[in-house]
Amino acid sequence: MGIKSKENSVGAWSFLIGVILAIAIGVATAVISSPQFTIFSNWIYAILAIIGIIIGFANVVGKETQTFLIAGVALVIVSKFGMDSLSVAIIGIEAGKVAVCIFAALLVLFVPATIIVALKTVFSTASV
């Protein structure tokens, strides 16, 4: 059994919770159409964006910044194009709506994280 490092547990847990929460929020948004859910959806997505900010600040350091930025940019681009193509291609099918909502929630999570990691990388590169 290996020894686990506790230096980055906040970032790792926020990443795991954020992805699970984004998928759950995407499914719930597509399936639940109650007025109470739509009232709280702004707060739910704000919490998801805050988790994305925490991921950006706490999770990515050192050598893994380049890998995270490439994966984050790819995820954001594919999610956005996936949302657009699925909403047009799969009209009337509930699975398409669920996929579009999951992509939207992942965007809310990963856009702030990717922007913060990119800004941290630019500032660390520019510092003398």
Protein backbone atom coordinates (compact mmCIF):
# COMPACT_ATOMS: atom_id res chain seq x y z
CA MET A 1 0.00 0.00 0.00
CA GLY A 2 1.43 3.37 -0.99
CA ILE A 3 1.70 6.49 1.09
CA LYS A 4 -0.79 9.16 0.08
CA SER A 5 0.26 12.78 -0.16
CA LYS A 6 -1.99 15.22 1.70
CA GLU A 7 -0.49 18.39 0.23
CA ASN A 8 -3.14 18.72 -2.47
CA SER A 9 -6.16 17.02 -0.96
CA VAL A 10 -8.37 20.16 -1.14
CA GLY A 11 -7.78 20.48 -4.86
CA ALA A 12 -8.27 16.79 -5.52
CA TRP A 13 -11.50 16.63 -3.53
CA SER A 14 -12.84 19.82 -5.11
CA PHE A 15 -12.10 18.39 -8.56
CA LEU A 16 -13.84 15.10 -7.79
CA ILE A 17 -16.83 16.76 -6.13
CA GLY A 18 -17.07 19.30 -8.94
CA VAL A 19 -17.20 16.72 -11.73
CA ILE A 20 -19.73 14.55 -9.89
CA LEU A 21 -21.81 17.63 -9.04
CA ALA A 22 -21.66 18.90 -12.63
CA ILE A 23 -22.95 15.58 -13.96
CA ALA A 24 -25.68 15.43 -11.31
CA ILE A 25 -26.71 19.04 -11.98
CA GLY A 26 -26.78 18.40 -15.72
CA VAL A 27 -29.02 15.37 -15.32
CA ALA A 28 -31.25 17.15 -12.79
CA THR A 29 -31.60 20.21 -15.02
CA ALA A 30 -32.70 18.05 -17.95
CA VAL A 31 -35.08 15.83 -15.99
CA ILE A 32 -36.60 18.13 -13.35
CA SER A 33 -38.73 20.94 -14.67
CA SER A 34 -40.25 22.23 -11.45
CA PRO A 35 -40.40 25.98 -10.74
CA GLN A 36 -38.57 25.49 -7.42
CA PHE A 37 -35.57 24.00 -9.21
CA THR A 38 -35.39 26.85 -11.70
CA ILE A 39 -35.46 29.37 -8.83
CA PHE A 40 -32.41 27.78 -7.23
CA SER A 41 -30.57 26.95 -10.46
CA ASN A 42 -28.67 30.26 -10.43
CA TRP A 43 -27.34 29.46 -6.96
CA ILE A 44 -26.52 25.90 -7.95
CA TYR A 45 -24.51 27.04 -10.96
CA ALA A 46 -22.81 29.74 -8.86
CA ILE A 47 -21.67 27.08 -6.40
CA LEU A 48 -20.38 25.02 -9.33
CA ALA A 49 -18.43 28.04 -10.63
CA ILE A 50 -16.96 28.62 -7.14
CA ILE A 51 -15.82 25.00 -7.07
CA GLY A 52 -14.21 25.64 -10.46
CA ILE A 53 -12.36 28.62 -8.99
CA ILE A 54 -11.17 26.46 -6.10
CA ILE A 55 -9.96 23.85 -8.59
CA GLY A 56 -8.04 26.51 -10.49
CA PHE A 57 -6.32 27.87 -7.40
CA ALA A 58 -5.74 24.70 -5.40
CA ASN A 59 -5.46 21.78 -7.76
CA VAL A 60 -2.97 22.64 -10.45
CA VAL A 61 0.67 23.38 -9.64
CA GLY A 62 4.05 22.83 -11.24
CA LYS A 63 4.43 20.45 -14.15
CA GLU A 64 0.76 19.57 -14.37
CA THR A 65 -0.30 23.07 -15.47
CA GLN A 66 0.42 22.41 -19.14
CA THR A 67 -1.46 19.10 -19.07
CA PHE A 68 -4.41 20.69 -17.26
CA LEU A 69 -4.54 23.61 -19.69
CA ILE A 70 -4.51 21.36 -22.74
CA ALA A 71 -7.16 19.06 -21.27
CA GLY A 72 -9.21 21.99 -19.94
CA VAL A 73 -9.21 23.85 -23.25
CA ALA A 74 -10.08 20.65 -25.12
CA LEU A 75 -12.91 19.94 -22.68
CA VAL A 76 -14.31 23.47 -22.96
CA ILE A 77 -14.17 23.47 -26.76
CA VAL A 78 -15.65 19.99 -27.16
CA SER A 79 -18.37 20.71 -24.57
CA LYS A 80 -19.41 23.91 -26.34
CA PHE A 81 -19.45 22.32 -29.79
CA GLY A 82 -21.16 19.25 -28.34
CA MET A 83 -23.88 21.43 -26.86
CA ASP A 84 -24.47 23.18 -30.17
CA SER A 85 -24.46 20.05 -32.33
CA LEU A 86 -26.55 17.91 -29.97
CA SER A 87 -29.18 20.59 -29.51
CA VAL A 88 -29.64 20.76 -33.28
CA ALA A 89 -29.13 17.11 -34.21
CA ILE A 90 -31.18 15.39 -31.50
CA ILE A 91 -34.34 17.46 -31.30
CA GLY A 92 -37.08 15.73 -29.34
CA ILE A 93 -34.93 13.05 -27.74
CA GLU A 94 -34.51 13.30 -23.97
CA ALA A 95 -30.96 11.85 -24.03
CA GLY A 96 -29.80 14.78 -26.15
CA LYS A 97 -31.23 17.24 -23.65
CA VAL A 98 -29.46 15.45 -20.78
CA ALA A 99 -26.14 15.50 -22.66
CA VAL A 100 -26.52 19.20 -23.47
CA CYS A 101 -27.25 20.01 -19.81
CA ILE A 102 -24.25 17.96 -18.62
CA PHE A 103 -22.00 19.76 -21.10
CA ALA A 104 -23.32 23.11 -19.86
CA ALA A 105 -22.62 22.20 -16.24
CA LEU A 106 -19.11 21.01 -17.13
CA LEU A 107 -18.51 24.33 -18.87
CA VAL A 108 -19.57 26.21 -15.74
CA LEU A 109 -17.08 24.12 -13.75
CA PHE A 110 -14.09 24.10 -16.11
CA VAL A 111 -14.13 27.57 -17.65
CA PRO A 112 -13.21 29.36 -14.38
CA ALA A 113 -10.68 26.66 -13.49
CA THR A 114 -8.99 26.86 -16.89
CA ILE A 115 -8.93 30.66 -16.89
CA ILE A 116 -7.36 30.78 -13.43
CA VAL A 117 -4.72 28.19 -14.28
CA ALA A 118 -3.93 30.05 -17.51
CA LEU A 119 -3.59 33.36 -15.64
CA LYS A 120 -1.39 31.75 -12.99
CA THR A 121 0.80 30.31 -15.74
CA VAL A 122 1.07 33.65 -17.54
CA PHE A 123 1.97 35.50 -14.34
CA SER A 124 4.54 32.90 -13.32
CA THR A 125 6.09 33.03 -16.78
CA ALA A 126 6.16 36.82 -16.82
CA SER A 127 7.63 37.22 -13.34
CA VAL A 128 11.33 37.89 -13.20
